[in-house]
PDB file of N, CA and C in Angstrom:
ATOM      1  N   MET A   1      -8.737  11.244 -10.977  1.00  0.00           N
ATOM      2  CA  MET A   1      -7.095  10.849 -10.762  1.00  0.00           C
ATOM      3  C   MET A   1      -7.177  10.380  -9.350  1.00  0.00           C
ATOM      4  N   PRO A   2      -6.443   9.199  -9.137  1.00  0.00           N
ATOM      5  CA  PRO A   2      -6.198   8.455  -8.003  1.00  0.00           C
ATOM      6  C   PRO A   2      -5.398   9.472  -6.913  1.00  0.00           C
ATOM      7  N   LEU A   3      -5.798   9.147  -5.537  1.00  0.00           N
ATOM      8  CA  LEU A   3      -5.044  10.011  -4.565  1.00  0.00           C
ATOM      9  C   LEU A   3      -3.859   9.133  -4.201  1.00  0.00           C
ATOM     10  N   ALA A   4      -2.768   9.897  -3.610  1.00  0.00           N
ATOM     11  CA  ALA A   4      -1.503   9.379  -3.294  1.00  0.00           C
ATOM     12  C   ALA A   4      -1.611   8.804  -1.857  1.00  0.00           C
ATOM     13  N   ALA A   5      -1.179   7.542  -1.712  1.00  0.00           N
ATOM     14  CA  ALA A   5      -1.147   6.773  -0.568  1.00  0.00           C
ATOM     15  C   ALA A   5       0.019   7.282   0.432  1.00  0.00           C
ATOM     16  N   CYS A   6      -0.150   7.403   1.615  1.00  0.00           N
ATOM     17  CA  CYS A   6       0.948   7.839   2.443  1.00  0.00           C
ATOM     18  C   CYS A   6       0.802   6.848   3.804  1.00  0.00           C
ATOM     19  N   VAL A   7       1.911   6.956   4.765  1.00  0.00           N
ATOM     20  CA  VAL A   7       1.980   6.287   5.915  1.00  0.00           C
ATOM     21  C   VAL A   7       0.750   6.396   6.675  1.00  0.00           C
ATOM     22  N   GLY A   8       0.190   5.244   7.064  1.00  0.00           N
ATOM     23  CA  GLY A   8      -1.217   5.417   7.916  1.00  0.00           C
ATOM     24  C   GLY A   8      -2.326   5.083   7.077  1.00  0.00           C
ATOM     25  N   HIS A   9      -2.269   5.282   5.836  1.00  0.00           N
ATOM     26  CA  HIS A   9      -3.476   5.061   4.966  1.00  0.00           C
ATOM     27  C   HIS A   9      -3.701   3.461   4.852  1.00  0.00           C
ATOM     28  N   GLU A  10      -5.030   3.237   4.454  1.00  0.00           N
ATOM     29  CA  GLU A  10      -5.472   1.786   4.573  1.00  0.00           C
ATOM     30  C   GLU A  10      -5.193   0.951   3.294  1.00  0.00           C
ATOM     31  N   THR A  11      -5.066  -0.190   3.399  1.00  0.00           N
ATOM     32  CA  THR A  11      -5.030  -1.345   2.338  1.00  0.00           C
ATOM     33  C   THR A  11      -6.021  -2.254   2.676  1.00  0.00           C
ATOM     34  N   ALA A  12      -6.426  -3.010   1.539  1.00  0.00           N
ATOM     35  CA  ALA A  12      -7.384  -4.139   1.645  1.00  0.00           C
ATOM     36  C   ALA A  12      -7.181  -5.280   0.673  1.00  0.00           C
ATOM     37  N   GLY A  13      -7.257  -6.576   1.052  1.00  0.00           N
ATOM     38  CA  GLY A  13      -6.978  -7.632   0.187  1.00  0.00           C
ATOM     39  C   GLY A  13      -7.439  -8.824   0.992  1.00  0.00           C
ATOM     40  N   THR A  14      -6.761 -10.012   0.344  1.00  0.00           N
ATOM     41  CA  THR A  14      -7.137 -11.362   0.814  1.00  0.00           C
ATOM     42  C   THR A  14      -5.999 -11.939   1.430  1.00  0.00           C
ATOM     43  N   CYS A  15      -6.163 -12.792   2.397  1.00  0.00           N
ATOM     44  CA  CYS A  15      -5.191 -13.692   2.894  1.00  0.00           C
ATOM     45  C   CYS A  15      -5.488 -15.110   2.709  1.00  0.00           C
ATOM     46  N   ASP A  16      -4.530 -15.867   2.215  1.00  0.00           N
ATOM     47  CA  ASP A  16      -4.867 -17.268   1.988  1.00  0.00           C
ATOM     48  C   ASP A  16      -3.538 -18.126   1.971  1.00  0.00           C
ATOM     49  N   PRO A  17      -2.909 -18.389   3.335  1.00  0.00           N
ATOM     50  CA  PRO A  17      -1.909 -19.302   3.420  1.00  0.00           C
ATOM     51  C   PRO A  17      -2.360 -20.650   3.536  1.00  0.00           C
ATOM     52  N   ARG A  18      -3.669 -20.954   2.928  1.00  0.00           N
ATOM     53  CA  ARG A  18      -4.080 -22.359   2.875  1.00  0.00           C
ATOM     54  C   ARG A  18      -4.453 -22.985   4.191  1.00  0.00           C
ATOM     55  N   LEU A  19      -4.738 -22.261   5.172  1.00  0.00           N
ATOM     56  CA  LEU A  19      -5.128 -22.892   6.493  1.00  0.00           C
ATOM     57  C   LEU A  19      -6.694 -22.920   6.565  1.00  0.00           C
ATOM     58  N   PRO A  20      -7.154 -23.731   7.477  1.00  0.00           N
ATOM     59  CA  PRO A  20      -8.502 -24.027   7.516  1.00  0.00           C
ATOM     60  C   PRO A  20      -9.515 -22.839   7.489  1.00  0.00           C
ATOM     61  N   CYS A  21      -9.153 -21.704   8.075  1.00  0.00           N
ATOM     62  CA  CYS A  21      -9.853 -20.443   8.180  1.00  0.00           C
ATOM     63  C   CYS A  21      -9.729 -19.580   6.951  1.00  0.00           C
ATOM     64  N   CYS A  22      -8.928 -19.932   5.997  1.00  0.00           N
ATOM     65  CA  CYS A  22      -8.636 -19.192   4.795  1.00  0.00           C
ATOM     66  C   CYS A  22      -9.563 -19.521   3.634  1.00  0.00           C
ATOM     67  N   PRO A  23      -9.720 -18.661   2.609  1.00  0.00           N
ATOM     68  CA  PRO A  23      -9.305 -17.436   2.642  1.00  0.00           C
ATOM     69  C   PRO A  23     -10.277 -16.447   3.272  1.00  0.00           C
ATOM     70  N   HIS A  24      -9.597 -15.277   3.751  1.00  0.00           N
ATOM     71  CA  HIS A  24     -10.326 -14.364   4.440  1.00  0.00           C
ATOM     72  C   HIS A  24      -9.728 -12.934   4.062  1.00  0.00           C
ATOM     73  N   ALA A  25     -10.481 -11.812   4.463  1.00  0.00           N
ATOM     74  CA  ALA A  25     -10.041 -10.488   4.172  1.00  0.00           C
ATOM     75  C   ALA A  25      -8.956 -10.075   5.019  1.00  0.00           C
ATOM     76  N   ARG A  26      -8.002  -9.151   4.526  1.00  0.00           N
ATOM     77  CA  ARG A  26      -7.030  -8.596   5.362  1.00  0.00           C
ATOM     78  C   ARG A  26      -7.134  -6.952   5.066  1.00  0.00           C
ATOM     79  N   ALA A  27      -6.983  -6.254   6.174  1.00  0.00           N
ATOM     80  CA  ALA A  27      -7.100  -4.775   6.042  1.00  0.00           C
ATOM     81  C   ALA A  27      -5.859  -4.341   6.891  1.00  0.00           C
ATOM     82  N   GLY A  28      -5.023  -3.586   6.122  1.00  0.00           N
ATOM     83  CA  GLY A  28      -3.565  -3.288   6.733  1.00  0.00           C
ATOM     84  C   GLY A  28      -3.520  -1.653   6.540  1.00  0.00           C
ATOM     85  N   SER A  29      -2.312  -1.249   7.089  1.00  0.00           N
ATOM     86  CA  SER A  29      -1.946   0.247   6.857  1.00  0.00           C
ATOM     87  C   SER A  29      -0.665   0.327   6.460  1.00  0.00           C
ATOM     88  N   ASN A  30      -0.314   1.352   5.716  1.00  0.00           N
ATOM     89  CA  ASN A  30       1.058   1.671   5.192  1.00  0.00           C
ATOM     90  C   ASN A  30       2.045   1.833   6.324  1.00  0.00           C
ATOM     91  N   GLY A  31       2.927   1.263   6.296  1.00  0.00           N
ATOM     92  CA  GLY A  31       3.974   1.437   7.549  1.00  0.00           C
ATOM     93  C   GLY A  31       5.206   2.127   7.337  1.00  0.00           C
ATOM     94  N   ASN A  32       5.561   2.336   6.119  1.00  0.00           N
ATOM     95  CA  ASN A  32       6.819   3.310   5.971  1.00  0.00           C
ATOM     96  C   ASN A  32       6.740   4.005   4.603  1.00  0.00           C
ATOM     97  N   GLY A  33       7.478   4.995   4.513  1.00  0.00           N
ATOM     98  CA  GLY A  33       7.381   5.989   3.385  1.00  0.00           C
ATOM     99  C   GLY A  33       8.550   6.624   3.069  1.00  0.00           C
ATOM    100  N   SER A  34       8.600   7.749   2.061  1.00  0.00           N
ATOM    101  CA  SER A  34       9.786   8.375   1.822  1.00  0.00           C
ATOM    102  C   SER A  34      10.146   9.525   2.869  1.00  0.00           C
ATOM    103  N   ALA A  35      11.355   9.532   3.286  1.00  0.00           N
ATOM    104  CA  ALA A  35      11.911  10.601   4.304  1.00  0.00           C
ATOM    105  C   ALA A  35      11.970  11.968   3.468  1.00  0.00           C
ATOM    106  N   LEU A  36      11.745  11.962   2.202  1.00  0.00           N
ATOM    107  CA  LEU A  36      11.938  13.267   1.511  1.00  0.00           C
ATOM    108  C   LEU A  36      10.635  13.946   1.035  1.00  0.00           C
ATOM    109  N   PHE A  37       9.570  13.178   1.158  1.00  0.00           N
ATOM    110  CA  PHE A  37       8.302  13.667   0.628  1.00  0.00           C
ATOM    111  C   PHE A  37       7.069  13.337   1.555  1.00  0.00           C
ATOM    112  N   GLU A  38       6.501  14.420   2.003  1.00  0.00           N
ATOM    113  CA  GLU A  38       5.571  14.348   2.999  1.00  0.00           C
ATOM    114  C   GLU A  38       4.201  15.117   2.452  1.00  0.00           C
ATOM    115  N   ILE A  39       3.247  14.501   2.931  1.00  0.00           N
ATOM    116  CA  ILE A  39       1.763  15.190   2.599  1.00  0.00           C
ATOM    117  C   ILE A  39       1.034  15.315   3.976  1.00  0.00           C
ATOM    118  N   ALA A  40       0.785  16.668   4.367  1.00  0.00           N
ATOM    119  CA  ALA A  40       0.185  16.880   5.587  1.00  0.00           C
ATOM    120  C   ALA A  40       0.832  16.029   6.815  1.00  0.00           C
ATOM    121  N   GLY A  41       2.236  16.030   6.639  1.00  0.00           N
ATOM    122  CA  GLY A  41       2.904  15.473   7.900  1.00  0.00           C
ATOM    123  C   GLY A  41       2.983  13.927   7.580  1.00  0.00           C
ATOM    124  N   ASN A  42       2.527  13.320   6.744  1.00  0.00           N
ATOM    125  CA  ASN A  42       2.679  11.956   6.468  1.00  0.00           C
ATOM    126  C   ASN A  42       3.543  11.573   5.280  1.00  0.00           C
ATOM    127  N   ALA A  43       4.581  10.610   5.493  1.00  0.00           N
ATOM    128  CA  ALA A  43       5.496  10.358   4.372  1.00  0.00           C
ATOM    129  C   ALA A  43       4.659   9.593   3.314  1.00  0.00           C
ATOM    130  N   LEU A  44       5.108   9.954   2.055  1.00  0.00           N
ATOM    131  CA  LEU A  44       4.456   9.260   0.785  1.00  0.00           C
ATOM    132  C   LEU A  44       5.042   7.749   0.896  1.00  0.00           C
ATOM    133  N   HIS A  45       4.030   6.923   0.455  1.00  0.00           N
ATOM    134  CA  HIS A  45       4.122   5.416   0.438  1.00  0.00           C
ATOM    135  C   HIS A  45       4.574   5.094  -0.962  1.00  0.00           C
ATOM    136  N   CYS A  46       5.624   4.337  -1.259  1.00  0.00           N
ATOM    137  CA  CYS A  46       6.097   4.147  -2.726  1.00  0.00           C
ATOM    138  C   CYS A  46       6.349   2.560  -2.942  1.00  0.00           C
ATOM    139  N   VAL A  47       6.496   2.266  -3.926  1.00  0.00           N
ATOM    140  CA  VAL A  47       6.885   0.807  -4.357  1.00  0.00           C
ATOM    141  C   VAL A  47       8.063   0.348  -3.606  1.00  0.00           C
ATOM    142  N   SER A  48       7.849  -0.801  -3.169  1.00  0.00           N
ATOM    143  CA  SER A  48       8.813  -1.562  -2.217  1.00  0.00           C
ATOM    144  C   SER A  48       8.714  -1.308  -0.791  1.00  0.00           C
ATOM    145  N   HIS A  49       7.859  -0.205  -0.401  1.00  0.00           N
ATOM    146  CA  HIS A  49       7.589   0.069   1.055  1.00  0.00           C
ATOM    147  C   HIS A  49       6.553  -1.141   1.426  1.00  0.00           C
ATOM    148  N   THR A  50       6.527  -1.212   2.877  1.00  0.00           N
ATOM    149  CA  THR A  50       5.739  -2.174   3.352  1.00  0.00           C
ATOM    150  C   THR A  50       4.757  -1.649   4.363  1.00  0.00           C
ATOM    151  N   GLY A  51       3.968  -2.730   4.834  1.00  0.00           N
ATOM    152  CA  GLY A  51       2.939  -2.320   6.021  1.00  0.00           C
ATOM    153  C   GLY A  51       2.406  -3.404   6.491  1.00  0.00           C
ATOM    154  N   SER A  52       1.667  -3.401   7.576  1.00  0.00           N
ATOM    155  CA  SER A  52       1.061  -4.622   8.323  1.00  0.00           C
ATOM    156  C   SER A  52      -0.291  -5.135   7.480  1.00  0.00           C
ATOM    157  N   CYS A  53      -0.245  -6.351   7.487  1.00  0.00           N
ATOM    158  CA  CYS A  53      -1.501  -6.998   6.804  1.00  0.00           C
ATOM    159  C   CYS A  53      -2.767  -6.955   7.789  1.00  0.00           C
ATOM    160  N   ASN A  54      -2.580  -6.908   9.032  1.00  0.00           N
ATOM    161  CA  ASN A  54      -3.589  -6.936   9.988  1.00  0.00           C
ATOM    162  C   ASN A  54      -4.796  -8.093   9.803  1.00  0.00           C
ATOM    163  N   CYS A  55      -4.130  -9.189   9.571  1.00  0.00           N
ATOM    164  CA  CYS A  55      -4.910 -10.548   9.527  1.00  0.00           C
ATOM    165  C   CYS A  55      -4.658 -11.619  10.524  1.00  0.00           C
ATOM    166  N   PRO A  56      -5.351 -12.484  10.755  1.00  0.00           N
ATOM    167  CA  PRO A  56      -5.150 -13.448  11.950  1.00  0.00           C
ATOM    168  C   PRO A  56      -3.758 -14.000  11.855  1.00  0.00           C
ATOM    169  N   HIS A  57      -3.117 -14.013  10.692  1.00  0.00           N
ATOM    170  CA  HIS A  57      -1.862 -14.760  10.604  1.00  0.00           C
ATOM    171  C   HIS A  57      -0.707 -13.660  10.647  1.00  0.00           C
ATOM    172  N   GLY A  58      -1.036 -12.457  10.923  1.00  0.00           N
ATOM    173  CA  GLY A  58       0.150 -11.409  11.074  1.00  0.00           C
ATOM    174  C   GLY A  58       0.575 -11.123   9.451  1.00  0.00           C
ATOM    175  N   GLY A  59       1.813 -10.750   9.464  1.00  0.00           N
ATOM    176  CA  GLY A  59       2.280 -10.731   8.081  1.00  0.00           C
ATOM    177  C   GLY A  59       2.446  -9.268   7.745  1.00  0.00           C
ATOM    178  N   THR A  60       3.020  -9.136   6.453  1.00  0.00           N
ATOM    179  CA  THR A  60       3.519  -7.691   5.958  1.00  0.00           C
ATOM    180  C   THR A  60       3.220  -7.758   4.541  1.00  0.00           C
ATOM    181  N   PHE A  61       2.633  -6.678   4.007  1.00  0.00           N
ATOM    182  CA  PHE A  61       2.557  -6.457   2.466  1.00  0.00           C
ATOM    183  C   PHE A  61       3.460  -5.642   1.948  1.00  0.00           C
ATOM    184  N   GLU A  62       3.793  -5.799   0.645  1.00  0.00           N
ATOM    185  CA  GLU A  62       4.767  -4.914   0.013  1.00  0.00           C
ATOM    186  C   GLU A  62       4.085  -4.305  -1.046  1.00  0.00           C
ATOM    187  N   SER A  63       4.190  -2.918  -1.370  1.00  0.00           N
ATOM    188  CA  SER A  63       3.643  -2.185  -2.559  1.00  0.00           C
ATOM    189  C   SER A  63       4.338  -2.520  -3.822  1.00  0.00           C
ATOM    190  N   VAL A  64       3.714  -3.122  -4.809  1.00  0.00           N
ATOM    191  CA  VAL A  64       4.423  -3.562  -6.105  1.00  0.00           C
ATOM    192  C   VAL A  64       4.010  -2.694  -7.239  1.00  0.00           C
ATOM    193  N   GLN A  65       3.130  -1.751  -7.090  1.00  0.00           N
ATOM    194  CA  GLN A  65       2.561  -0.944  -8.240  1.00  0.00           C
ATOM    195  C   GLN A  65       2.741   0.497  -7.852  1.00  0.00           C
ATOM    196  N   GLY A  66       3.267   1.438  -8.732  1.00  0.00           N
ATOM    197  CA  GLY A  66       3.417   2.787  -8.561  1.00  0.00           C
ATOM    198  C   GLY A  66       3.140   3.665  -9.690  1.00  0.00           C
ATOM    199  N   ALA A  67       3.008   4.938  -9.485  1.00  0.00           N
ATOM    200  CA  ALA A  67       2.687   5.822 -10.458  1.00  0.00           C
ATOM    201  C   ALA A  67       3.911   6.079 -11.428  1.00  0.00           C
ATOM    202  N   VAL A  68       3.586   6.435 -12.653  1.00  0.00           N
ATOM    203  CA  VAL A  68       4.517   6.776 -13.622  1.00  0.00           C
ATOM    204  C   VAL A  68       5.059   8.099 -13.540  1.00  0.00           C
ATOM    205  N   LEU A  69       4.276   8.983 -13.098  1.00  0.00           N
ATOM    206  CA  LEU A  69       4.597  10.554 -13.063  1.00  0.00           C
ATOM    207  C   LEU A  69       4.991  11.054 -11.688  1.00  0.00           C
ATOM    208  N   LEU A  70       5.027  10.184 -10.598  1.00  0.00           N
ATOM    209  CA  LEU A  70       5.444  10.783  -9.344  1.00  0.00           C
ATOM    210  C   LEU A  70       6.413   9.800  -8.769  1.00  0.00           C
ATOM    211  N   GLU A  71       7.527  10.287  -8.347  1.00  0.00           N
ATOM    212  CA  GLU A  71       8.571   9.496  -7.624  1.00  0.00           C
ATOM    213  C   GLU A  71       9.039  10.211  -6.457  1.00  0.00           C
ATOM    214  N   ALA A  72       9.521   9.342  -5.476  1.00  0.00           N
ATOM    215  CA  ALA A  72      10.308  10.072  -4.298  1.00  0.00           C
ATOM    216  C   ALA A  72      11.288   9.040  -4.041  1.00  0.00           C
ATOM    217  N   ASP A  73      12.525   9.499  -3.824  1.00  0.00           N
ATOM    218  CA  ASP A  73      13.610   8.743  -3.536  1.00  0.00           C
ATOM    219  C   ASP A  73      14.011   7.717  -4.671  1.00  0.00           C
ATOM    220  N   GLY A  74      13.542   8.053  -5.958  1.00  0.00           N
ATOM    221  CA  GLY A  74      13.815   7.264  -7.029  1.00  0.00           C
ATOM    222  C   GLY A  74      12.702   6.055  -7.056  1.00  0.00           C
ATOM    223  N   LEU A  75      11.716   6.142  -6.212  1.00  0.00           N
ATOM    224  CA  LEU A  75      10.726   4.952  -6.394  1.00  0.00           C
ATOM    225  C   LEU A  75       9.172   5.675  -6.715  1.00  0.00           C
ATOM    226  N   PRO A  76       8.553   4.905  -7.482  1.00  0.00           N
ATOM    227  CA  PRO A  76       7.296   5.340  -8.082  1.00  0.00           C
ATOM    228  C   PRO A  76       6.273   5.492  -6.766  1.00  0.00           C
ATOM    229  N   ALA A  77       5.488   6.409  -6.687  1.00  0.00           N
ATOM    230  CA  ALA A  77       4.668   6.600  -5.553  1.00  0.00           C
ATOM    231  C   ALA A  77       3.364   5.560  -5.630  1.00  0.00           C
ATOM    232  N   ALA A  78       2.894   5.113  -4.575  1.00  0.00           N
ATOM    233  CA  ALA A  78       1.696   4.337  -4.578  1.00  0.00           C
ATOM    234  C   ALA A  78       0.525   4.995  -4.555  1.00  0.00           C
ATOM    235  N   LEU A  79      -0.396   4.638  -5.324  1.00  0.00           N
ATOM    236  CA  LEU A  79      -1.844   5.539  -5.424  1.00  0.00           C
ATOM    237  C   LEU A  79      -2.947   4.571  -4.998  1.00  0.00           C
ATOM    238  N   VAL A  80      -4.047   5.079  -4.606  1.00  0.00           N
ATOM    239  CA  VAL A  80      -5.234   4.317  -4.348  1.00  0.00           C
ATOM    240  C   VAL A  80      -5.560   3.511  -5.563  1.00  0.00           C
ATOM    241  N   GLY A  81      -5.885   2.101  -5.358  1.00  0.00           N
ATOM    242  CA  GLY A  81      -6.112   1.289  -6.358  1.00  0.00           C
ATOM    243  C   GLY A  81      -4.973   0.503  -6.694  1.00  0.00           C
ATOM    244  N   HIS A  82      -3.680   0.893  -6.484  1.00  0.00           N
ATOM    245  CA  HIS A  82      -2.527   0.189  -6.803  1.00  0.00           C
ATOM    246  C   HIS A  82      -2.193  -1.108  -5.992  1.00  0.00           C
ATOM    247  N   THR A  83      -1.584  -1.926  -6.531  1.00  0.00           N
ATOM    248  CA  THR A  83      -1.508  -3.436  -5.917  1.00  0.00           C
ATOM    249  C   THR A  83      -0.530  -3.546  -4.888  1.00  0.00           C
ATOM    250  N   THR A  84      -0.787  -4.380  -3.804  1.00  0.00           N
ATOM    251  CA  THR A  84       0.074  -4.848  -2.753  1.00  0.00           C
ATOM    252  C   THR A  84      -0.016  -6.166  -2.850  1.00  0.00           C
ATOM    253  N   VAL A  85       1.038  -6.880  -2.277  1.00  0.00           N
ATOM    254  CA  VAL A  85       1.329  -8.363  -2.263  1.00  0.00           C
ATOM    255  C   VAL A  85       1.466  -8.738  -0.842  1.00  0.00           C
ATOM    256  N   CYS A  86       0.902  -9.785  -0.216  1.00  0.00           N
ATOM    257  CA  CYS A  86       1.161 -10.131   1.042  1.00  0.00           C
ATOM    258  C   CYS A  86       2.416 -10.957   1.072  1.00  0.00           C
ATOM    259  N   LYS A  87       3.466 -10.726   1.921  1.00  0.00           N
ATOM    260  CA  LYS A  87       4.667 -11.394   1.780  1.00  0.00           C
ATOM    261  C   LYS A  87       4.696 -12.784   2.469  1.00  0.00           C
ATOM    262  N   VAL A  88       3.590 -13.177   3.217  1.00  0.00           N
ATOM    263  CA  VAL A  88       3.319 -14.450   3.815  1.00  0.00           C
ATOM    264  C   VAL A  88       2.696 -15.410   2.792  1.00  0.00           C
ATOM    265  N   CYS A  89       1.707 -14.968   2.106  1.00  0.00           N
ATOM    266  CA  CYS A  89       0.785 -15.910   1.144  1.00  0.00           C
ATOM    267  C   CYS A  89       0.893 -15.554  -0.204  1.00  0.00           C
ATOM    268  N   GLY A  90       1.328 -14.431  -0.556  1.00  0.00           N
ATOM    269  CA  GLY A  90       1.491 -14.054  -1.960  1.00  0.00           C
ATOM    270  C   GLY A  90       0.294 -13.584  -2.747  1.00  0.00           C
ATOM    271  N   THR A  91      -0.993 -13.422  -1.881  1.00  0.00           N
ATOM    272  CA  THR A  91      -2.152 -12.904  -2.511  1.00  0.00           C
ATOM    273  C   THR A  91      -2.010 -11.287  -2.614  1.00  0.00           C
ATOM    274  N   THR A  92      -2.787 -10.812  -3.547  1.00  0.00           N
ATOM    275  CA  THR A  92      -2.802  -9.370  -3.809  1.00  0.00           C
ATOM    276  C   THR A  92      -3.884  -8.677  -2.896  1.00  0.00           C
ATOM    277  N   GLY A  93      -3.628  -7.397  -2.901  1.00  0.00           N
ATOM    278  CA  GLY A  93      -4.647  -6.449  -2.281  1.00  0.00           C
ATOM    279  C   GLY A  93      -4.355  -5.015  -3.049  1.00  0.00           C
ATOM    280  N   ARG A  94      -4.795  -3.962  -2.352  1.00  0.00           N
ATOM    281  CA  ARG A  94      -4.768  -2.768  -3.006  1.00  0.00           C
ATOM    282  C   ARG A  94      -4.747  -1.593  -2.070  1.00  0.00           C
ATOM    283  N   HIS A  95      -4.339  -0.562  -2.311  1.00  0.00           N
ATOM    284  CA  HIS A  95      -4.440   0.758  -1.488  1.00  0.00           C
ATOM    285  C   HIS A  95      -5.690   1.081  -1.587  1.00  0.00           C
ATOM    286  N   ALA A  96      -6.463   1.284  -0.403  1.00  0.00           N
ATOM    287  CA  ALA A  96      -7.794   1.720  -0.306  1.00  0.00           C
ATOM    288  C   ALA A  96      -8.092   3.116   0.158  1.00  0.00           C
ATOM    289  N   SER A  97      -7.057   3.828   0.710  1.00  0.00           N
ATOM    290  CA  SER A  97      -7.268   5.207   0.994  1.00  0.00           C
ATOM    291  C   SER A  97      -5.998   5.919   0.701  1.00  0.00           C
ATOM    292  N   GLY A  98      -6.047   7.426   0.688  1.00  0.00           N
ATOM    293  CA  GLY A  98      -5.050   8.166   0.373  1.00  0.00           C
ATOM    294  C   GLY A  98      -5.398   9.648   0.611  1.00  0.00           C
ATOM    295  N   SER A  99      -4.348  10.669   0.426  1.00  0.00           N
ATOM    296  CA  SER A  99      -4.489  11.841   0.638  1.00  0.00           C
ATOM    297  C   SER A  99      -5.389  12.785  -0.220  1.00  0.00           C
ATOM    298  N   ASP A 100      -6.307  13.315   0.307  1.00  0.00           N
ATOM    299  CA  ASP A 100      -7.203  14.184  -0.434  1.00  0.00           C
ATOM    300  C   ASP A 100      -6.322  15.528  -0.967  1.00  0.00           C
ATOM    301  N   LEU A 101      -5.060  15.587  -0.592  1.00  0.00           N
ATOM    302  CA  LEU A 101      -4.312  16.845  -0.919  1.00  0.00           C
ATOM    303  C   LEU A 101      -3.457  16.540  -2.173  1.00  0.00           C
ATOM    304  N   LEU A 102      -3.331  15.338  -2.549  1.00  0.00           N
ATOM    305  CA  LEU A 102      -2.563  15.131  -3.791  1.00  0.00           C
ATOM    306  C   LEU A 102      -3.240  13.993  -4.704  1.00  0.00           C
ATOM    307  N   GLU A 103      -3.569  14.571  -5.766  1.00  0.00           N
ATOM    308  CA  GLU A 103      -4.159  13.506  -6.775  1.00  0.00           C
ATOM    309  C   GLU A 103      -3.020  13.475  -7.990  1.00  0.00           C
ATOM    310  N   VAL A 104      -2.973  12.188  -8.397  1.00  0.00           N
ATOM    311  CA  VAL A 104      -2.008  12.107  -9.478  1.00  0.00           C
ATOM    312  C   VAL A 104      -2.527  11.511 -10.782  1.00  0.00           C
ATOM    313  N   ASP A 105      -2.281  12.281 -11.865  1.00  0.00           N
ATOM    314  CA  ASP A 105      -2.527  11.767 -13.166  1.00  0.00           C
ATOM    315  C   ASP A 105      -1.777  10.650 -13.576  1.00  0.00           C
ATOM    316  N   GLU A 106      -2.299   9.454 -13.861  1.00  0.00           N
ATOM    317  CA  GLU A 106      -1.390   8.291 -14.310  1.00  0.00           C
ATOM    318  C   GLU A 106      -1.112   8.410 -15.702  1.00  0.00           C
ATOM    319  N   ALA A 107      -1.780   9.202 -16.565  1.00  0.00           N
ATOM    320  CA  ALA A 107      -1.507   9.231 -18.076  1.00  0.00           C
ATOM    321  C   ALA A 107       0.023   9.406 -18.506  1.00  0.00           C
TER     322      ALA A 107
END
């Protein structure tokens, strides 16, 4: 079962705004989460929440995939392996780390 992603957990992906240095890796972190749902003091990160891409071009990613069985504030929770999209270049990434205190069955 995948782990739930929270504020501060990591993401990984590719950056490609078609500049000479591209494509290259991006590694970011979840920047915001639910005000109503925390795990070990960290807000649960959900669909439509964002974070930093931490690549040479800056940018922000948005979480676009979430759990069917876990919602906070009416938004599906993001899990490790779920998809993120860079708002600068549109390439996808994924949630790479999550809380070992909450695993979610996606069945």
